Amino acid sequence: MPIPQVGDIAPDFEVASDSGELVRLSDYRGQRVVLYFYPQADTPGCTTQACTFRDNYALFQEKGVVVLGASPDTVEAQANFKRKYNLPFVLLADADKTVANAYGLWGTHKIEYEGVTYEVTGVRRSTFIIDEQGIVTYAKFGVDPANNTAEILALL
């Protein structure tokens, strides 16, 4: 699938959450949603990114914004990650890569880490803002895990 761009309707999905309950993007119609994708729970960059969303979660709540994090991990891995770092938002367990594929984010791509470029196969770290009608209003790929939350909050 092509990657959704600003102005596109965000692809709907149905996937298990960290609690095992099924979550659909359409469940959140009428609310703004920040949907962020990360490669793997409980790894350094992904933990940094999740914890910055956690540390700023009250600001998202004040703005009435739902935060959803998605990675190709199992329900158990997401539940453990959420518990370990006291994450207050829903994590999506996209083990079969349904959501990542719907957003065109699974595949081989290049990343840079500490000045070295690597070719990896996995989820492309990305963040989307989806408005109350389900329209993508922001899409960024290859986000910096440490600064992603501040960028998003500045836009809301």
C-alpha atoms as a PDB file:
ATOM      1  CA  MET A   1       0.000   0.000   0.000  1.00  0.00           C
ATOM      2  CA  PRO A   2       1.152   3.556  -0.604  1.00  0.00           C
ATOM      3  CA  ILE A   3       2.046   5.681   2.387  1.00  0.00           C
ATOM      4  CA  PRO A   4      -0.846   8.018   3.298  1.00  0.00           C
ATOM      5  CA  GLN A   5      -0.091  11.651   2.627  1.00  0.00           C
ATOM      6  CA  VAL A   6      -1.574  14.828   4.072  1.00  0.00           C
ATOM      7  CA  GLY A   7      -5.163  15.115   2.844  1.00  0.00           C
ATOM      8  CA  ASP A   8      -5.657  11.344   2.420  1.00  0.00           C
ATOM      9  CA  ILE A   9      -8.155   9.342   4.406  1.00  0.00           C
ATOM     10  CA  ALA A  10      -6.176   7.400   7.014  1.00  0.00           C
ATOM     11  CA  PRO A  11      -6.434   3.658   6.428  1.00  0.00           C
ATOM     12  CA  ASP A  12      -8.712   2.043   8.978  1.00  0.00           C
ATOM     13  CA  PHE A  13      -7.507  -1.059  10.761  1.00  0.00           C
ATOM     14  CA  GLU A  14      -8.520  -3.610  13.345  1.00  0.00           C
ATOM     15  CA  VAL A  15      -5.713  -4.921  15.537  1.00  0.00           C
ATOM     16  CA  ALA A  16      -5.201  -6.145  19.099  1.00  0.00           C
ATOM     17  CA  SER A  17      -4.062  -3.673  21.710  1.00  0.00           C
ATOM     18  CA  ASP A  18      -1.623  -4.278  24.536  1.00  0.00           C
ATOM     19  CA  SER A  19      -4.610  -5.536  26.570  1.00  0.00           C
ATOM     20  CA  GLY A  20      -5.692  -7.947  23.831  1.00  0.00           C
ATOM     21  CA  GLU A  21      -8.825  -5.932  22.980  1.00  0.00           C
ATOM     22  CA  LEU A  22      -9.487  -5.190  19.323  1.00  0.00           C
ATOM     23  CA  VAL A  23      -8.943  -1.558  18.365  1.00  0.00           C
ATOM     24  CA  ARG A  24     -10.086   0.142  15.170  1.00  0.00           C
ATOM     25  CA  LEU A  25      -8.968   3.567  14.046  1.00  0.00           C
ATOM     26  CA  SER A  26     -12.621   4.280  13.242  1.00  0.00           C
ATOM     27  CA  ASP A  27     -13.372   3.857  17.000  1.00  0.00           C
ATOM     28  CA  TYR A  28     -11.744   7.256  17.429  1.00  0.00           C
ATOM     29  CA  ARG A  29     -13.749   9.220  14.839  1.00  0.00           C
ATOM     30  CA  GLY A  30     -14.628  12.583  16.295  1.00  0.00           C
ATOM     31  CA  GLN A  31     -11.230  12.806  18.026  1.00  0.00           C
ATOM     32  CA  ARG A  32      -7.790  13.762  16.789  1.00  0.00           C
ATOM     33  CA  VAL A  33      -5.343  10.882  16.855  1.00  0.00           C
ATOM     34  CA  VAL A  34      -1.562  10.761  16.904  1.00  0.00           C
ATOM     35  CA  LEU A  35      -0.589   7.384  15.450  1.00  0.00           C
ATOM     36  CA  TYR A  36       3.089   6.661  15.734  1.00  0.00           C
ATOM     37  CA  PHE A  37       4.970   3.622  14.445  1.00  0.00           C
ATOM     38  CA  TYR A  38       8.130   2.267  16.028  1.00  0.00           C
ATOM     39  CA  PRO A  39      10.272  -0.745  15.109  1.00  0.00           C
ATOM     40  CA  GLN A  40      10.320  -2.804  18.331  1.00  0.00           C
ATOM     41  CA  ALA A  41       9.131  -2.506  21.910  1.00  0.00           C
ATOM     42  CA  ASP A  42      11.718  -2.085  24.650  1.00  0.00           C
ATOM     43  CA  THR A  43      14.623  -1.100  22.427  1.00  0.00           C
ATOM     44  CA  PRO A  44      16.589   2.120  23.092  1.00  0.00           C
ATOM     45  CA  GLY A  45      15.112   4.451  20.451  1.00  0.00           C
ATOM     46  CA  CYS A  46      11.603   3.093  20.836  1.00  0.00           C
ATOM     47  CA  THR A  47      11.775   3.434  24.610  1.00  0.00           C
ATOM     48  CA  THR A  48      12.993   7.028  24.301  1.00  0.00           C
ATOM     49  CA  GLN A  49      10.129   7.842  21.942  1.00  0.00           C
ATOM     50  CA  ALA A  50       7.469   6.121  24.076  1.00  0.00           C
ATOM     51  CA  CYS A  51       8.704   7.769  27.258  1.00  0.00           C
ATOM     52  CA  THR A  52       8.612  11.254  25.709  1.00  0.00           C
ATOM     53  CA  PHE A  53       4.979  10.612  24.734  1.00  0.00           C
ATOM     54  CA  ARG A  54       4.381   9.381  28.303  1.00  0.00           C
ATOM     55  CA  ASP A  55       6.073  12.394  29.870  1.00  0.00           C
ATOM     56  CA  ASN A  56       3.963  14.763  27.769  1.00  0.00           C
ATOM     57  CA  TYR A  57       0.755  12.745  27.834  1.00  0.00           C
ATOM     58  CA  ALA A  58      -1.124  15.302  29.963  1.00  0.00           C
ATOM     59  CA  LEU A  59      -0.546  17.895  27.214  1.00  0.00           C
ATOM     60  CA  PHE A  60      -2.083  15.558  24.633  1.00  0.00           C
ATOM     61  CA  GLN A  61      -5.046  14.971  26.936  1.00  0.00           C
ATOM     62  CA  GLU A  62      -5.514  18.744  27.432  1.00  0.00           C
ATOM     63  CA  LYS A  63      -5.720  19.082  23.647  1.00  0.00           C
ATOM     64  CA  GLY A  64      -8.174  16.161  23.423  1.00  0.00           C
ATOM     65  CA  VAL A  65      -5.752  14.067  21.370  1.00  0.00           C
ATOM     66  CA  VAL A  66      -5.592  10.269  21.469  1.00  0.00           C
ATOM     67  CA  VAL A  67      -2.102   8.724  21.268  1.00  0.00           C
ATOM     68  CA  LEU A  68      -1.668   5.269  19.716  1.00  0.00           C
ATOM     69  CA  GLY A  69       1.710   3.558  19.360  1.00  0.00           C
ATOM     70  CA  ALA A  70       2.114   0.673  16.890  1.00  0.00           C
ATOM     71  CA  SER A  71       4.879  -1.857  16.343  1.00  0.00           C
ATOM     72  CA  PRO A  72       5.126  -5.386  14.952  1.00  0.00           C
ATOM     73  CA  ASP A  73       5.234  -6.877  18.448  1.00  0.00           C
ATOM     74  CA  THR A  74       2.938  -9.387  20.141  1.00  0.00           C
ATOM     75  CA  VAL A  75       0.239  -8.465  22.643  1.00  0.00           C
ATOM     76  CA  GLU A  76       2.468  -9.860  25.413  1.00  0.00           C
ATOM     77  CA  ALA A  77       5.496  -7.798  24.326  1.00  0.00           C
ATOM     78  CA  GLN A  78       3.393  -4.629  24.117  1.00  0.00           C
ATOM     79  CA  ALA A  79       1.822  -5.313  27.524  1.00  0.00           C
ATOM     80  CA  ASN A  80       5.251  -5.820  29.084  1.00  0.00           C
ATOM     81  CA  PHE A  81       6.609  -2.644  27.442  1.00  0.00           C
ATOM     82  CA  LYS A  82       3.609  -0.639  28.620  1.00  0.00           C
ATOM     83  CA  ARG A  83       3.880  -1.958  32.174  1.00  0.00           C
ATOM     84  CA  LYS A  84       7.679  -1.574  32.408  1.00  0.00           C
ATOM     85  CA  TYR A  85       7.610   2.107  31.408  1.00  0.00           C
ATOM     86  CA  ASN A  86       4.158   2.997  32.788  1.00  0.00           C
ATOM     87  CA  LEU A  87       2.881   4.093  29.378  1.00  0.00           C
ATOM     88  CA  PRO A  88      -0.608   5.637  29.706  1.00  0.00           C
ATOM     89  CA  PHE A  89      -1.691   5.243  26.063  1.00  0.00           C
ATOM     90  CA  VAL A  90      -2.737   2.297  23.911  1.00  0.00           C
ATOM     91  CA  LEU A  91      -0.074   0.241  22.157  1.00  0.00           C
ATOM     92  CA  LEU A  92      -1.104  -1.684  19.064  1.00  0.00           C
ATOM     93  CA  ALA A  93       0.242  -5.227  18.695  1.00  0.00           C
ATOM     94  CA  ASP A  94       0.763  -5.400  14.932  1.00  0.00           C
ATOM     95  CA  ALA A  95       2.583  -8.758  14.920  1.00  0.00           C
ATOM     96  CA  ASP A  96       1.212  -9.706  11.498  1.00  0.00           C
ATOM     97  CA  LYS A  97       2.110  -6.236  10.155  1.00  0.00           C
ATOM     98  CA  THR A  98      -1.452  -5.492   9.003  1.00  0.00           C
ATOM     99  CA  VAL A  99      -1.343  -1.879  10.149  1.00  0.00           C
ATOM    100  CA  ALA A 100       2.243  -1.277   8.997  1.00  0.00           C
ATOM    101  CA  ASN A 101       1.368  -2.654   5.558  1.00  0.00           C
ATOM    102  CA  ALA A 102      -1.850  -0.604   5.367  1.00  0.00           C
ATOM    103  CA  TYR A 103       0.284   2.487   5.946  1.00  0.00           C
ATOM    104  CA  GLY A 104       3.024   1.370   3.545  1.00  0.00           C
ATOM    105  CA  LEU A 105       5.609   1.350   6.322  1.00  0.00           C
ATOM    106  CA  TRP A 106       6.892  -2.241   6.294  1.00  0.00           C
ATOM    107  CA  GLY A 107       9.870  -2.981   4.099  1.00  0.00           C
ATOM    108  CA  THR A 108      13.553  -2.427   3.545  1.00  0.00           C
ATOM    109  CA  HIS A 109      14.757   1.126   4.122  1.00  0.00           C
ATOM    110  CA  LYS A 110      17.823   3.023   5.279  1.00  0.00           C
ATOM    111  CA  ILE A 111      18.323   4.459   8.729  1.00  0.00           C
ATOM    112  CA  GLU A 112      21.155   6.478  10.170  1.00  0.00           C
ATOM    113  CA  TYR A 113      22.437   5.781  13.657  1.00  0.00           C
ATOM    114  CA  GLU A 114      25.417   7.523  15.210  1.00  0.00           C
ATOM    115  CA  GLY A 115      26.611   8.697  11.806  1.00  0.00           C
ATOM    116  CA  VAL A 116      26.407   5.278  10.148  1.00  0.00           C
ATOM    117  CA  THR A 117      23.771   4.388   7.552  1.00  0.00           C
ATOM    118  CA  TYR A 118      22.233   0.937   7.755  1.00  0.00           C
ATOM    119  CA  GLU A 119      19.780  -0.898   5.515  1.00  0.00           C
ATOM    120  CA  VAL A 120      17.113  -2.614   7.603  1.00  0.00           C
ATOM    121  CA  THR A 121      13.887  -4.493   7.017  1.00  0.00           C
ATOM    122  CA  GLY A 122      11.111  -3.489   9.367  1.00  0.00           C
ATOM    123  CA  VAL A 123       8.760  -0.672  10.222  1.00  0.00           C
ATOM    124  CA  ARG A 124       9.765   2.790   9.132  1.00  0.00           C
ATOM    125  CA  ARG A 125       9.581   5.006  12.257  1.00  0.00           C
ATOM    126  CA  SER A 126       6.778   7.411  11.399  1.00  0.00           C
ATOM    127  CA  THR A 127       4.122   9.626  12.932  1.00  0.00           C
ATOM    128  CA  PHE A 128       0.696  10.669  11.643  1.00  0.00           C
ATOM    129  CA  ILE A 129      -1.825  13.160  12.939  1.00  0.00           C
ATOM    130  CA  ILE A 130      -5.349  12.189  11.938  1.00  0.00           C
ATOM    131  CA  ASP A 131      -8.200  14.652  12.346  1.00  0.00           C
ATOM    132  CA  GLU A 132     -11.706  14.068  13.687  1.00  0.00           C
ATOM    133  CA  GLN A 133     -12.958  13.005  10.226  1.00  0.00           C
ATOM    134  CA  GLY A 134     -10.166  10.478   9.693  1.00  0.00           C
ATOM    135  CA  ILE A 135      -8.061  12.676   7.377  1.00  0.00           C
ATOM    136  CA  VAL A 136      -4.258  12.705   7.641  1.00  0.00           C
ATOM    137  CA  THR A 137      -3.173  16.250   8.548  1.00  0.00           C
ATOM    138  CA  TYR A 138       0.488  15.430   9.211  1.00  0.00           C
ATOM    139  CA  ALA A 139       2.794  12.636   8.097  1.00  0.00           C
ATOM    140  CA  LYS A 140       6.489  12.383   8.884  1.00  0.00           C
ATOM    141  CA  PHE A 141       8.883   9.493   8.285  1.00  0.00           C
ATOM    142  CA  GLY A 142      12.230   8.729   9.868  1.00  0.00           C
ATOM    143  CA  VAL A 143      11.349  10.786  12.923  1.00  0.00           C
ATOM    144  CA  ASP A 144      13.849  11.474  15.703  1.00  0.00           C
ATOM    145  CA  PRO A 145      12.592   9.479  18.711  1.00  0.00           C
ATOM    146  CA  ALA A 146      13.848  12.060  21.209  1.00  0.00           C
ATOM    147  CA  ASN A 147      12.223  15.062  19.505  1.00  0.00           C
ATOM    148  CA  ASN A 148       9.126  13.605  17.847  1.00  0.00           C
ATOM    149  CA  THR A 149       6.752  14.459  20.690  1.00  0.00           C
ATOM    150  CA  ALA A 150       7.825  18.108  20.838  1.00  0.00           C
ATOM    151  CA  GLU A 151       7.345  18.420  17.061  1.00  0.00           C
ATOM    152  CA  ILE A 152       3.852  16.957  17.292  1.00  0.00           C
ATOM    153  CA  LEU A 153       2.809  19.119  20.240  1.00  0.00           C
ATOM    154  CA  ALA A 154       3.944  22.237  18.383  1.00  0.00           C
ATOM    155  CA  LEU A 155       1.553  21.333  15.560  1.00  0.00           C
ATOM    156  CA  LEU A 156      -1.522  20.637  17.693  1.00  0.00           C
END
